[in-house]
Amino acid sequence: MGYLYYRTGQIERAIEEYRLGIEVDPKRTFLHTNLVLGYQRIGRFDEARAAMSNAWKHIPEDDYGHFLLHGIAFAQNDRAGVEREIAWLRAHGSDSIGRIEAGTAKVTGKLATLRVNHEREAQRRIGADNREGAAFLYGDLAEAHAYVGDAARARQYIARARSVSADSYVVDFFMYVLALLGAPEADAAIAESAKRFGTRTAVKSIWVPQARAALEISRGNGAAAVEMLRSTEPYEFGQWTGYHSAYLRGLAYLTLGSGADAAREFQKIIDRPGFEPFHELRPLALLQQARAHVHTGNREQGLRRYQDFLAMWKDADADIPALREAKLEYAKLSSAVK
């Protein structure tokens, strides 16, 4: 039940199920770690840390627990906590270090580092006959580059993913990234996923509507996108929706010129740093909210959000289209405010 509640965005209820599970069998590791993850995702960080400490009274201290604690520290900008958890993981030879390096690179705009990391791990997975896992990494690269406006690289990684695996979930990645890019073949990809997997709740009510909304946004049809995202609302901020639905809805409102509505959607992401601490939409929500504030005429707030974004991406790759655009917009706004 806890697992199902996580997927559908009912995290408070998931927490209660995992707490009940621990009362029944406190030796089950996944009950403890999922409880910690639940508290983390809704921003109850002190309770998450306390749950982890309690877990280690019943189960062995392990690298995944410290990986979770690292994510909590990262979400809170707790540098000392981040370094403490990395030190523990390094001292114990944890494989989680690679995941942390990749996640940190993604959220700080170091996509060149992310490409090297994911390529290395993808080749390792292919060698271990985990082709689906490798395709997911290429899909992750495709999605990250699509969000920041690097269409060429996004298409390159779609092709790489396709060459490795045609698993159903990988096909859903193709569909979504093509839609983000506004690619001519996106309609056919969406129709294929809807036909092959349309009886699944996640596909029917979330992934296909999100892809269709992304495609409509690329075509400038904000009203249609907002309408398509209505089916995702009951599952908002669950494992199936992530940050995507709120972000897309914010973009749709920007397309409509409704800055206040857009700012509200992006704020949902900004208010949830623990939900997915290493997701690229965390910094991009700051950038898009800056644009939303400018739409409403609130230039001072817009300026602050540009500053927040540029601080988060202070070491980002200079060739990222979204970064170049943000710097130009910030310079223009700074001059106007002065």
C-alpha atoms as a PDB file:
ATOM      1  CA  MET A   1       0.000   0.000   0.000  1.00  0.00           C
ATOM      2  CA  GLY A   2       2.817   2.381   0.811  1.00  0.00           C
ATOM      3  CA  TYR A   3       4.350   1.748  -2.605  1.00  0.00           C
ATOM      4  CA  LEU A   4       1.050   2.470  -4.375  1.00  0.00           C
ATOM      5  CA  TYR A   5       0.485   5.637  -2.362  1.00  0.00           C
ATOM      6  CA  TYR A   6       3.980   6.851  -3.305  1.00  0.00           C
ATOM      7  CA  ARG A   7       3.299   6.365  -6.975  1.00  0.00           C
ATOM      8  CA  THR A   8      -0.008   8.201  -6.869  1.00  0.00           C
ATOM      9  CA  GLY A   9       1.198  11.191  -4.853  1.00  0.00           C
ATOM     10  CA  GLN A  10      -0.418  10.288  -1.508  1.00  0.00           C
ATOM     11  CA  ILE A  11       2.819  10.473   0.409  1.00  0.00           C
ATOM     12  CA  GLU A  12       1.316  11.176   3.842  1.00  0.00           C
ATOM     13  CA  ARG A  13      -0.681   7.962   3.515  1.00  0.00           C
ATOM     14  CA  ALA A  14       2.399   6.092   2.298  1.00  0.00           C
ATOM     15  CA  ILE A  15       4.252   7.200   5.424  1.00  0.00           C
ATOM     16  CA  GLU A  16       1.511   5.792   7.632  1.00  0.00           C
ATOM     17  CA  GLU A  17       1.601   2.442   5.827  1.00  0.00           C
ATOM     18  CA  TYR A  18       5.373   2.147   6.219  1.00  0.00           C
ATOM     19  CA  ARG A  19       5.139   3.068   9.892  1.00  0.00           C
ATOM     20  CA  LEU A  20       2.587   0.293  10.361  1.00  0.00           C
ATOM     21  CA  GLY A  21       4.852  -2.080   8.469  1.00  0.00           C
ATOM     22  CA  ILE A  22       7.762  -1.284  10.775  1.00  0.00           C
ATOM     23  CA  GLU A  23       5.589  -2.028  13.816  1.00  0.00           C
ATOM     24  CA  VAL A  24       4.884  -5.464  12.333  1.00  0.00           C
ATOM     25  CA  ASP A  25       8.425  -6.262  11.173  1.00  0.00           C
ATOM     26  CA  PRO A  26      11.172  -3.758  12.110  1.00  0.00           C
ATOM     27  CA  LYS A  27      13.853  -5.907  10.448  1.00  0.00           C
ATOM     28  CA  ARG A  28      12.662  -5.089   6.905  1.00  0.00           C
ATOM     29  CA  THR A  29      15.132  -2.590   5.445  1.00  0.00           C
ATOM     30  CA  PHE A  30      12.894  -1.266   2.667  1.00  0.00           C
ATOM     31  CA  LEU A  31      10.196  -0.254   5.166  1.00  0.00           C
ATOM     32  CA  HIS A  32      12.655   2.028   6.962  1.00  0.00           C
ATOM     33  CA  THR A  33      14.256   3.543   3.861  1.00  0.00           C
ATOM     34  CA  ASN A  34      10.895   4.193   2.213  1.00  0.00           C
ATOM     35  CA  LEU A  35       9.709   5.882   5.392  1.00  0.00           C
ATOM     36  CA  VAL A  36      12.789   8.113   5.316  1.00  0.00           C
ATOM     37  CA  LEU A  37      12.180   8.840   1.634  1.00  0.00           C
ATOM     38  CA  GLY A  38       8.571   9.773   2.331  1.00  0.00           C
ATOM     39  CA  TYR A  39       9.508  12.319   4.979  1.00  0.00           C
ATOM     40  CA  GLN A  40      12.196  13.670   2.660  1.00  0.00           C
ATOM     41  CA  ARG A  41       9.807  14.105  -0.251  1.00  0.00           C
ATOM     42  CA  ILE A  42       7.400  16.255   1.743  1.00  0.00           C
ATOM     43  CA  GLY A  43      10.144  18.313   3.362  1.00  0.00           C
ATOM     44  CA  ARG A  44       9.953  16.875   6.876  1.00  0.00           C
ATOM     45  CA  PHE A  45      13.712  16.577   7.016  1.00  0.00           C
ATOM     46  CA  ASP A  46      14.180  16.327  10.785  1.00  0.00           C
ATOM     47  CA  GLU A  47      11.720  13.432  10.899  1.00  0.00           C
ATOM     48  CA  ALA A  48      13.524  11.797   7.974  1.00  0.00           C
ATOM     49  CA  ARG A  49      16.841  11.913   9.822  1.00  0.00           C
ATOM     50  CA  ALA A  50      15.212  10.647  13.021  1.00  0.00           C
ATOM     51  CA  ALA A  51      13.629   7.763  11.095  1.00  0.00           C
ATOM     52  CA  MET A  52      17.035   6.849   9.679  1.00  0.00           C
ATOM     53  CA  SER A  53      18.601   6.866  13.132  1.00  0.00           C
ATOM     54  CA  ASN A  54      15.798   4.675  14.428  1.00  0.00           C
ATOM     55  CA  ALA A  55      16.205   2.308  11.462  1.00  0.00           C
ATOM     56  CA  TRP A  56      19.820   1.601  12.361  1.00  0.00           C
ATOM     57  CA  LYS A  57      18.683   0.259  15.718  1.00  0.00           C
ATOM     58  CA  HIS A  58      17.008  -2.585  13.800  1.00  0.00           C
ATOM     59  CA  ILE A  59      18.919  -2.988  10.519  1.00  0.00           C
ATOM     60  CA  PRO A  60      22.615  -2.702   9.545  1.00  0.00           C
ATOM     61  CA  GLU A  61      23.913   0.731   8.689  1.00  0.00           C
ATOM     62  CA  ASP A  62      24.306   0.782   4.906  1.00  0.00           C
ATOM     63  CA  ASP A  63      25.252   2.961   1.961  1.00  0.00           C
ATOM     64  CA  TYR A  64      21.665   3.551   0.754  1.00  0.00           C
ATOM     65  CA  GLY A  65      20.758   5.079   4.097  1.00  0.00           C
ATOM     66  CA  HIS A  66      23.696   7.442   3.842  1.00  0.00           C
ATOM     67  CA  PHE A  67      22.781   8.188   0.223  1.00  0.00           C
ATOM     68  CA  LEU A  68      19.349   9.284   1.451  1.00  0.00           C
ATOM     69  CA  LEU A  69      20.912  11.425   4.194  1.00  0.00           C
ATOM     70  CA  HIS A  70      23.143  13.009   1.559  1.00  0.00           C
ATOM     71  CA  GLY A  71      20.068  13.893  -0.514  1.00  0.00           C
ATOM     72  CA  ILE A  72      18.430  15.518   2.510  1.00  0.00           C
ATOM     73  CA  ALA A  73      21.553  17.571   3.222  1.00  0.00           C
ATOM     74  CA  PHE A  74      21.802  18.543  -0.446  1.00  0.00           C
ATOM     75  CA  ALA A  75      18.160  19.671  -0.537  1.00  0.00           C
ATOM     76  CA  GLN A  76      18.780  21.848   2.532  1.00  0.00           C
ATOM     77  CA  ASN A  77      22.044  23.314   1.181  1.00  0.00           C
ATOM     78  CA  ASP A  78      23.775  21.816   4.204  1.00  0.00           C
ATOM     79  CA  ARG A  79      27.367  21.677   2.961  1.00  0.00           C
ATOM     80  CA  ALA A  80      28.719  20.115   6.138  1.00  0.00           C
ATOM     81  CA  GLY A  81      26.090  17.394   5.968  1.00  0.00           C
ATOM     82  CA  VAL A  82      26.827  16.745   2.296  1.00  0.00           C
ATOM     83  CA  GLU A  83      30.549  16.366   2.950  1.00  0.00           C
ATOM     84  CA  ARG A  84      29.959  14.160   5.984  1.00  0.00           C
ATOM     85  CA  GLU A  85      27.822  11.700   4.017  1.00  0.00           C
ATOM     86  CA  ILE A  86      30.191  11.675   1.037  1.00  0.00           C
ATOM     87  CA  ALA A  87      33.078  10.932   3.386  1.00  0.00           C
ATOM     88  CA  TRP A  88      31.202   7.968   4.867  1.00  0.00           C
ATOM     89  CA  LEU A  89      30.291   6.619   1.422  1.00  0.00           C
ATOM     90  CA  ARG A  90      33.849   6.968   0.123  1.00  0.00           C
ATOM     91  CA  ALA A  91      35.269   5.283   3.202  1.00  0.00           C
ATOM     92  CA  HIS A  92      32.961   2.326   2.605  1.00  0.00           C
ATOM     93  CA  GLY A  93      33.613   2.065  -1.146  1.00  0.00           C
ATOM     94  CA  SER A  94      30.003   2.821  -2.028  1.00  0.00           C
ATOM     95  CA  ASP A  95      28.721   2.736  -5.604  1.00  0.00           C
ATOM     96  CA  SER A  96      26.434   5.618  -4.617  1.00  0.00           C
ATOM     97  CA  ILE A  97      29.268   8.089  -5.187  1.00  0.00           C
ATOM     98  CA  GLY A  98      28.723   7.800  -8.936  1.00  0.00           C
ATOM     99  CA  ARG A  99      24.998   8.501  -8.542  1.00  0.00           C
ATOM    100  CA  ILE A 100      25.755  11.530  -6.393  1.00  0.00           C
ATOM    101  CA  GLU A 101      28.261  12.885  -8.903  1.00  0.00           C
ATOM    102  CA  ALA A 102      25.770  12.437 -11.738  1.00  0.00           C
ATOM    103  CA  GLY A 103      22.909  14.015  -9.793  1.00  0.00           C
ATOM    104  CA  THR A 104      24.980  16.965  -8.662  1.00  0.00           C
ATOM    105  CA  ALA A 105      26.159  17.543 -12.223  1.00  0.00           C
ATOM    106  CA  LYS A 106      22.591  17.500 -13.516  1.00  0.00           C
ATOM    107  CA  VAL A 107      21.167  19.967 -11.003  1.00  0.00           C
ATOM    108  CA  THR A 108      24.104  22.393 -11.330  1.00  0.00           C
ATOM    109  CA  GLY A 109      24.125  22.457 -15.130  1.00  0.00           C
ATOM    110  CA  LYS A 110      27.334  20.482 -15.632  1.00  0.00           C
ATOM    111  CA  LEU A 111      25.914  18.393 -18.435  1.00  0.00           C
ATOM    112  CA  ALA A 112      29.297  17.548 -19.934  1.00  0.00           C
ATOM    113  CA  THR A 113      30.169  15.818 -16.658  1.00  0.00           C
ATOM    114  CA  LEU A 114      26.769  14.121 -16.661  1.00  0.00           C
ATOM    115  CA  ARG A 115      27.370  12.808 -20.182  1.00  0.00           C
ATOM    116  CA  VAL A 116      30.705  11.268 -19.216  1.00  0.00           C
ATOM    117  CA  ASN A 117      29.253   9.731 -16.050  1.00  0.00           C
ATOM    118  CA  HIS A 118      26.163   8.279 -17.739  1.00  0.00           C
ATOM    119  CA  GLU A 119      28.107   6.955 -20.716  1.00  0.00           C
ATOM    120  CA  ARG A 120      30.517   5.121 -18.427  1.00  0.00           C
ATOM    121  CA  GLU A 121      27.681   3.638 -16.395  1.00  0.00           C
ATOM    122  CA  ALA A 122      25.658   2.752 -19.500  1.00  0.00           C
ATOM    123  CA  GLN A 123      28.547   0.766 -20.914  1.00  0.00           C
ATOM    124  CA  ARG A 124      28.930  -1.036 -17.593  1.00  0.00           C
ATOM    125  CA  ARG A 125      25.229  -1.944 -17.645  1.00  0.00           C
ATOM    126  CA  ILE A 126      25.389  -3.164 -21.229  1.00  0.00           C
ATOM    127  CA  GLY A 127      28.338  -5.356 -20.254  1.00  0.00           C
ATOM    128  CA  ALA A 128      26.212  -6.766 -17.435  1.00  0.00           C
ATOM    129  CA  ASP A 129      23.349  -7.426 -19.911  1.00  0.00           C
ATOM    130  CA  ASN A 130      21.204  -4.701 -18.354  1.00  0.00           C
ATOM    131  CA  ARG A 131      20.319  -3.033 -21.640  1.00  0.00           C
ATOM    132  CA  GLU A 132      17.115  -1.507 -20.321  1.00  0.00           C
ATOM    133  CA  GLY A 133      19.059   0.166 -17.514  1.00  0.00           C
ATOM    134  CA  ALA A 134      21.544   1.550 -20.038  1.00  0.00           C
ATOM    135  CA  ALA A 135      18.708   2.878 -22.206  1.00  0.00           C
ATOM    136  CA  PHE A 136      17.250   4.680 -19.205  1.00  0.00           C
ATOM    137  CA  LEU A 137      20.537   6.529 -18.742  1.00  0.00           C
ATOM    138  CA  TYR A 138      20.521   7.618 -22.375  1.00  0.00           C
ATOM    139  CA  GLY A 139      16.872   8.607 -21.952  1.00  0.00           C
ATOM    140  CA  ASP A 140      17.795  10.648 -18.897  1.00  0.00           C
ATOM    141  CA  LEU A 141      20.423  12.470 -20.950  1.00  0.00           C
ATOM    142  CA  ALA A 142      17.914  13.064 -23.737  1.00  0.00           C
ATOM    143  CA  GLU A 143      15.376  14.531 -21.328  1.00  0.00           C
ATOM    144  CA  ALA A 144      17.905  16.763 -19.551  1.00  0.00           C
ATOM    145  CA  HIS A 145      19.157  18.201 -22.840  1.00  0.00           C
ATOM    146  CA  ALA A 146      15.618  18.707 -24.151  1.00  0.00           C
ATOM    147  CA  TYR A 147      14.656  20.721 -21.082  1.00  0.00           C
ATOM    148  CA  VAL A 148      17.640  23.085 -21.502  1.00  0.00           C
ATOM    149  CA  GLY A 149      17.048  23.621 -25.229  1.00  0.00           C
ATOM    150  CA  ASP A 150      19.832  21.426 -26.650  1.00  0.00           C
ATOM    151  CA  ALA A 151      17.712  19.634 -29.242  1.00  0.00           C
ATOM    152  CA  ALA A 152      20.640  18.150 -31.163  1.00  0.00           C
ATOM    153  CA  ARG A 153      22.020  16.299 -28.168  1.00  0.00           C
ATOM    154  CA  ALA A 154      18.547  15.295 -27.016  1.00  0.00           C
ATOM    155  CA  ARG A 155      17.933  13.626 -30.376  1.00  0.00           C
ATOM    156  CA  GLN A 156      21.356  11.993 -30.254  1.00  0.00           C
ATOM    157  CA  TYR A 157      20.557  10.336 -26.932  1.00  0.00           C
ATOM    158  CA  ILE A 158      17.095   9.252 -28.051  1.00  0.00           C
ATOM    159  CA  ALA A 159      18.823   7.420 -30.884  1.00  0.00           C
ATOM    160  CA  ARG A 160      21.313   5.873 -28.461  1.00  0.00           C
ATOM    161  CA  ALA A 161      18.525   4.685 -26.177  1.00  0.00           C
ATOM    162  CA  ARG A 162      16.594   3.193 -29.090  1.00  0.00           C
ATOM    163  CA  SER A 163      19.651   1.308 -30.273  1.00  0.00           C
ATOM    164  CA  VAL A 164      20.032  -0.331 -26.852  1.00  0.00           C
ATOM    165  CA  SER A 165      16.482  -1.265 -25.791  1.00  0.00           C
ATOM    166  CA  ALA A 166      12.857  -1.074 -26.913  1.00  0.00           C
ATOM    167  CA  ASP A 167      11.371  -1.801 -23.479  1.00  0.00           C
ATOM    168  CA  SER A 168       7.937  -0.259 -22.919  1.00  0.00           C
ATOM    169  CA  TYR A 169       9.168   2.298 -20.406  1.00  0.00           C
ATOM    170  CA  VAL A 170      11.986   3.302 -22.735  1.00  0.00           C
ATOM    171  CA  VAL A 171       9.396   3.890 -25.464  1.00  0.00           C
ATOM    172  CA  ASP A 172       7.607   6.265 -23.083  1.00  0.00           C
ATOM    173  CA  PHE A 173      10.882   8.187 -22.725  1.00  0.00           C
ATOM    174  CA  PHE A 174      11.064   8.552 -26.537  1.00  0.00           C
ATOM    175  CA  MET A 175       7.506   9.843 -26.615  1.00  0.00           C
ATOM    176  CA  TYR A 176       8.034  12.469 -23.921  1.00  0.00           C
ATOM    177  CA  VAL A 177      11.365  13.821 -25.175  1.00  0.00           C
ATOM    178  CA  LEU A 178      10.112  14.071 -28.752  1.00  0.00           C
ATOM    179  CA  ALA A 179       7.117  16.005 -27.429  1.00  0.00           C
ATOM    180  CA  LEU A 180       9.347  18.395 -25.458  1.00  0.00           C
ATOM    181  CA  LEU A 181      11.271  19.041 -28.665  1.00  0.00           C
ATOM    182  CA  GLY A 182       8.104  19.584 -30.683  1.00  0.00           C
ATOM    183  CA  ALA A 183       9.400  16.961 -33.112  1.00  0.00           C
ATOM    184  CA  PRO A 184       7.252  16.100 -36.155  1.00  0.00           C
ATOM    185  CA  GLU A 185       7.302  12.425 -35.190  1.00  0.00           C
ATOM    186  CA  ALA A 186       6.037  13.119 -31.649  1.00  0.00           C
ATOM    187  CA  ASP A 187       2.369  12.617 -32.560  1.00  0.00           C
ATOM    188  CA  ALA A 188       3.074   9.129 -33.874  1.00  0.00           C
ATOM    189  CA  ALA A 189       5.206   8.249 -30.830  1.00  0.00           C
ATOM    190  CA  ILE A 190       2.426   9.356 -28.458  1.00  0.00           C
ATOM    191  CA  ALA A 191      -0.151   7.380 -30.405  1.00  0.00           C
ATOM    192  CA  GLU A 192       2.085   4.298 -30.268  1.00  0.00           C
ATOM    193  CA  SER A 193       2.471   4.472 -26.488  1.00  0.00           C
ATOM    194  CA  ALA A 194      -1.246   5.103 -26.016  1.00  0.00           C
ATOM    195  CA  LYS A 195      -2.083   2.098 -28.186  1.00  0.00           C
ATOM    196  CA  ARG A 196       0.449  -0.313 -26.702  1.00  0.00           C
ATOM    197  CA  PHE A 197       0.207   0.620 -23.034  1.00  0.00           C
ATOM    198  CA  GLY A 198      -2.918   2.778 -22.764  1.00  0.00           C
ATOM    199  CA  THR A 199      -4.679   0.566 -20.220  1.00  0.00           C
ATOM    200  CA  ARG A 200      -2.044   1.380 -17.594  1.00  0.00           C
ATOM    201  CA  THR A 201      -3.116   4.156 -15.259  1.00  0.00           C
ATOM    202  CA  ALA A 202       0.306   5.797 -15.395  1.00  0.00           C
ATOM    203  CA  VAL A 203       0.307   5.847 -19.209  1.00  0.00           C
ATOM    204  CA  LYS A 204      -3.351   6.781 -19.718  1.00  0.00           C
ATOM    205  CA  SER A 205      -3.716   9.422 -17.014  1.00  0.00           C
ATOM    206  CA  ILE A 206      -0.192  10.800 -16.654  1.00  0.00           C
ATOM    207  CA  TRP A 207       2.507  10.024 -19.211  1.00  0.00           C
ATOM    208  CA  VAL A 208       0.478  10.376 -22.403  1.00  0.00           C
ATOM    209  CA  PRO A 209      -1.280  13.566 -21.183  1.00  0.00           C
ATOM    210  CA  GLN A 210       2.076  15.035 -20.113  1.00  0.00           C
ATOM    211  CA  ALA A 211       3.557  14.277 -23.533  1.00  0.00           C
ATOM    212  CA  ARG A 212       0.548  15.730 -25.329  1.00  0.00           C
ATOM    213  CA  ALA A 213       0.743  18.833 -23.143  1.00  0.00           C
ATOM    214  CA  ALA A 214       4.458  19.230 -23.866  1.00  0.00           C
ATOM    215  CA  LEU A 215       3.757  18.970 -27.589  1.00  0.00           C
ATOM    216  CA  GLU A 216       0.979  21.560 -27.423  1.00  0.00           C
ATOM    217  CA  ILE A 217       3.273  23.924 -25.502  1.00  0.00           C
ATOM    218  CA  SER A 218       5.891  23.562 -28.247  1.00  0.00           C
ATOM    219  CA  ARG A 219       3.173  24.626 -30.705  1.00  0.00           C
ATOM    220  CA  GLY A 220       2.117  27.613 -28.587  1.00  0.00           C
ATOM    221  CA  ASN A 221      -1.204  26.064 -27.517  1.00  0.00           C
ATOM    222  CA  GLY A 222      -1.121  26.773 -23.796  1.00  0.00           C
ATOM    223  CA  ALA A 223      -4.856  26.405 -23.196  1.00  0.00           C
ATOM    224  CA  ALA A 224      -4.892  22.931 -24.736  1.00  0.00           C
ATOM    225  CA  ALA A 225      -1.910  21.936 -22.607  1.00  0.00           C
ATOM    226  CA  VAL A 226      -3.577  23.050 -19.370  1.00  0.00           C
ATOM    227  CA  GLU A 227      -6.659  21.035 -20.275  1.00  0.00           C
ATOM    228  CA  MET A 228      -4.613  17.935 -21.059  1.00  0.00           C
ATOM    229  CA  LEU A 229      -2.881  18.108 -17.685  1.00  0.00           C
ATOM    230  CA  ARG A 230      -6.141  17.936 -15.721  1.00  0.00           C
ATOM    231  CA  SER A 231      -5.949  14.145 -15.582  1.00  0.00           C
ATOM    232  CA  THR A 232      -2.582  14.357 -13.796  1.00  0.00           C
ATOM    233  CA  GLU A 233      -3.852  16.536 -10.949  1.00  0.00           C
ATOM    234  CA  PRO A 234      -4.977  13.679  -8.633  1.00  0.00           C
ATOM    235  CA  TYR A 235      -1.462  12.210  -8.854  1.00  0.00           C
ATOM    236  CA  GLU A 236       0.493  15.453  -8.471  1.00  0.00           C
ATOM    237  CA  PHE A 237       3.957  15.031  -6.947  1.00  0.00           C
ATOM    238  CA  GLY A 238       3.770  11.291  -6.903  1.00  0.00           C
ATOM    239  CA  GLN A 239       6.421   9.016  -8.319  1.00  0.00           C
ATOM    240  CA  TRP A 240       4.564   8.890 -11.637  1.00  0.00           C
ATOM    241  CA  THR A 241       4.344  12.664 -12.108  1.00  0.00           C
ATOM    242  CA  GLY A 242       7.477  13.944 -10.380  1.00  0.00           C
ATOM    243  CA  TYR A 243       7.989  17.633 -11.035  1.00  0.00           C
ATOM    244  CA  HIS A 244       6.893  17.289 -14.662  1.00  0.00           C
ATOM    245  CA  SER A 245       3.194  18.123 -14.467  1.00  0.00           C
ATOM    246  CA  ALA A 246       3.658  21.298 -12.431  1.00  0.00           C
ATOM    247  CA  TYR A 247       6.514  22.416 -14.675  1.00  0.00           C
ATOM    248  CA  LEU A 248       4.542  21.809 -17.860  1.00  0.00           C
ATOM    249  CA  ARG A 249       1.507  23.578 -16.446  1.00  0.00           C
ATOM    250  CA  GLY A 250       3.726  26.531 -15.581  1.00  0.00           C
ATOM    251  CA  LEU A 251       5.082  26.621 -19.134  1.00  0.00           C
ATOM    252  CA  ALA A 252       1.543  26.431 -20.497  1.00  0.00           C
ATOM    253  CA  TYR A 253       0.490  29.436 -18.416  1.00  0.00           C
ATOM    254  CA  LEU A 254       3.564  31.334 -19.609  1.00  0.00           C
ATOM    255  CA  THR A 255       2.500  30.587 -23.176  1.00  0.00           C
ATOM    256  CA  LEU A 256      -0.895  32.068 -22.311  1.00  0.00           C
ATOM    257  CA  GLY A 257       0.766  35.148 -20.784  1.00  0.00           C
ATOM    258  CA  SER A 258      -0.630  34.319 -17.334  1.00  0.00           C
ATOM    259  CA  GLY A 259       2.419  35.096 -15.234  1.00  0.00           C
ATOM    260  CA  ALA A 260       0.755  34.771 -11.826  1.00  0.00           C
ATOM    261  CA  ASP A 261      -0.585  31.297 -12.588  1.00  0.00           C
ATOM    262  CA  ALA A 262       2.781  30.246 -14.011  1.00  0.00           C
ATOM    263  CA  ALA A 263       4.653  31.545 -10.958  1.00  0.00           C
ATOM    264  CA  ARG A 264       2.349  29.536  -8.706  1.00  0.00           C
ATOM    265  CA  GLU A 265       3.104  26.293 -10.557  1.00  0.00           C
ATOM    266  CA  PHE A 266       6.860  26.833 -10.495  1.00  0.00           C
ATOM    267  CA  GLN A 267       6.675  27.677  -6.787  1.00  0.00           C
ATOM    268  CA  LYS A 268       5.311  24.174  -6.148  1.00  0.00           C
ATOM    269  CA  ILE A 269       8.632  22.796  -7.381  1.00  0.00           C
ATOM    270  CA  ILE A 270      10.728  25.372  -5.545  1.00  0.00           C
ATOM    271  CA  ASP A 271       8.899  24.506  -2.307  1.00  0.00           C
ATOM    272  CA  ARG A 272       9.743  20.795  -2.692  1.00  0.00           C
ATOM    273  CA  PRO A 273      13.551  20.510  -2.908  1.00  0.00           C
ATOM    274  CA  GLY A 274      13.474  17.162  -1.125  1.00  0.00           C
ATOM    275  CA  PHE A 275      11.113  15.518  -3.578  1.00  0.00           C
ATOM    276  CA  GLU A 276      13.862  14.981  -6.162  1.00  0.00           C
ATOM    277  CA  PRO A 277      16.962  16.836  -4.931  1.00  0.00           C
ATOM    278  CA  PHE A 278      18.997  16.095  -8.069  1.00  0.00           C
ATOM    279  CA  HIS A 279      16.412  16.874 -10.748  1.00  0.00           C
ATOM    280  CA  GLU A 280      17.185  19.425 -13.454  1.00  0.00           C
ATOM    281  CA  LEU A 281      13.726  20.997 -13.083  1.00  0.00           C
ATOM    282  CA  ARG A 282      14.665  22.405  -9.674  1.00  0.00           C
ATOM    283  CA  PRO A 283      16.946  25.118 -11.106  1.00  0.00           C
ATOM    284  CA  LEU A 284      14.862  25.486 -14.258  1.00  0.00           C
ATOM    285  CA  ALA A 285      11.800  26.256 -12.117  1.00  0.00           C
ATOM    286  CA  LEU A 286      13.736  29.229 -10.716  1.00  0.00           C
ATOM    287  CA  LEU A 287      14.474  30.465 -14.232  1.00  0.00           C
ATOM    288  CA  GLN A 288      10.902  30.032 -15.417  1.00  0.00           C
ATOM    289  CA  GLN A 289       9.516  31.718 -12.326  1.00  0.00           C
ATOM    290  CA  ALA A 290      11.814  34.662 -12.989  1.00  0.00           C
ATOM    291  CA  ARG A 291      10.202  34.953 -16.425  1.00  0.00           C
ATOM    292  CA  ALA A 292       6.744  34.611 -14.876  1.00  0.00           C
ATOM    293  CA  HIS A 293       7.419  37.481 -12.464  1.00  0.00           C
ATOM    294  CA  VAL A 294       8.595  39.666 -15.341  1.00  0.00           C
ATOM    295  CA  HIS A 295       5.315  38.856 -17.135  1.00  0.00           C
ATOM    296  CA  THR A 296       3.383  40.213 -14.158  1.00  0.00           C
ATOM    297  CA  GLY A 297       5.521  43.363 -14.022  1.00  0.00           C
ATOM    298  CA  ASN A 298       7.206  42.342 -10.775  1.00  0.00           C
ATOM    299  CA  ARG A 299      10.731  43.003 -12.004  1.00  0.00           C
ATOM    300  CA  GLU A 300      12.397  43.000  -8.573  1.00  0.00           C
ATOM    301  CA  GLN A 301      11.150  39.523  -7.773  1.00  0.00           C
ATOM    302  CA  GLY A 302      12.075  38.436 -11.261  1.00  0.00           C
ATOM    303  CA  LEU A 303      15.575  39.773 -10.771  1.00  0.00           C
ATOM    304  CA  ARG A 304      15.968  37.838  -7.522  1.00  0.00           C
ATOM    305  CA  ARG A 305      14.852  34.610  -9.148  1.00  0.00           C
ATOM    306  CA  TYR A 306      17.326  35.108 -12.013  1.00  0.00           C
ATOM    307  CA  GLN A 307      20.014  35.578  -9.381  1.00  0.00           C
ATOM    308  CA  ASP A 308      18.930  32.392  -7.602  1.00  0.00           C
ATOM    309  CA  PHE A 309      19.089  30.446 -10.853  1.00  0.00           C
ATOM    310  CA  LEU A 310      22.463  31.843 -11.886  1.00  0.00           C
ATOM    311  CA  ALA A 311      23.876  31.110  -8.417  1.00  0.00           C
ATOM    312  CA  MET A 312      22.732  27.490  -8.683  1.00  0.00           C
ATOM    313  CA  TRP A 313      24.262  27.272 -12.162  1.00  0.00           C
ATOM    314  CA  LYS A 314      27.371  29.350 -11.427  1.00  0.00           C
ATOM    315  CA  ASP A 315      29.638  26.558 -12.697  1.00  0.00           C
ATOM    316  CA  ALA A 316      27.311  25.327 -15.449  1.00  0.00           C
ATOM    317  CA  ASP A 317      28.522  24.545 -18.967  1.00  0.00           C
ATOM    318  CA  ALA A 318      28.714  27.796 -20.911  1.00  0.00           C
ATOM    319  CA  ASP A 319      27.245  26.283 -24.069  1.00  0.00           C
ATOM    320  CA  ILE A 320      23.854  25.378 -22.577  1.00  0.00           C
ATOM    321  CA  PRO A 321      21.181  27.335 -24.502  1.00  0.00           C
ATOM    322  CA  ALA A 322      19.025  27.934 -21.397  1.00  0.00           C
ATOM    323  CA  LEU A 323      21.992  29.460 -19.560  1.00  0.00           C
ATOM    324  CA  ARG A 324      22.896  31.773 -22.428  1.00  0.00           C
ATOM    325  CA  GLU A 325      19.289  32.958 -22.671  1.00  0.00           C
ATOM    326  CA  ALA A 326      19.050  33.487 -18.912  1.00  0.00           C
ATOM    327  CA  LYS A 327      22.209  35.589 -18.817  1.00  0.00           C
ATOM    328  CA  LEU A 328      20.966  37.825 -21.624  1.00  0.00           C
ATOM    329  CA  GLU A 329      17.559  38.239 -19.984  1.00  0.00           C
ATOM    330  CA  TYR A 330      19.145  38.964 -16.605  1.00  0.00           C
ATOM    331  CA  ALA A 331      21.468  41.602 -18.057  1.00  0.00           C
ATOM    332  CA  LYS A 332      18.566  43.312 -19.811  1.00  0.00           C
ATOM    333  CA  LEU A 333      16.383  43.222 -16.697  1.00  0.00           C
ATOM    334  CA  SER A 334      19.223  44.484 -14.469  1.00  0.00           C
ATOM    335  CA  SER A 335      19.651  47.504 -16.720  1.00  0.00           C
ATOM    336  CA  ALA A 336      15.932  48.205 -16.688  1.00  0.00           C
ATOM    337  CA  VAL A 337      15.639  47.944 -12.892  1.00  0.00           C
ATOM    338  CA  LYS A 338      18.589  50.281 -12.361  1.00  0.00           C
END
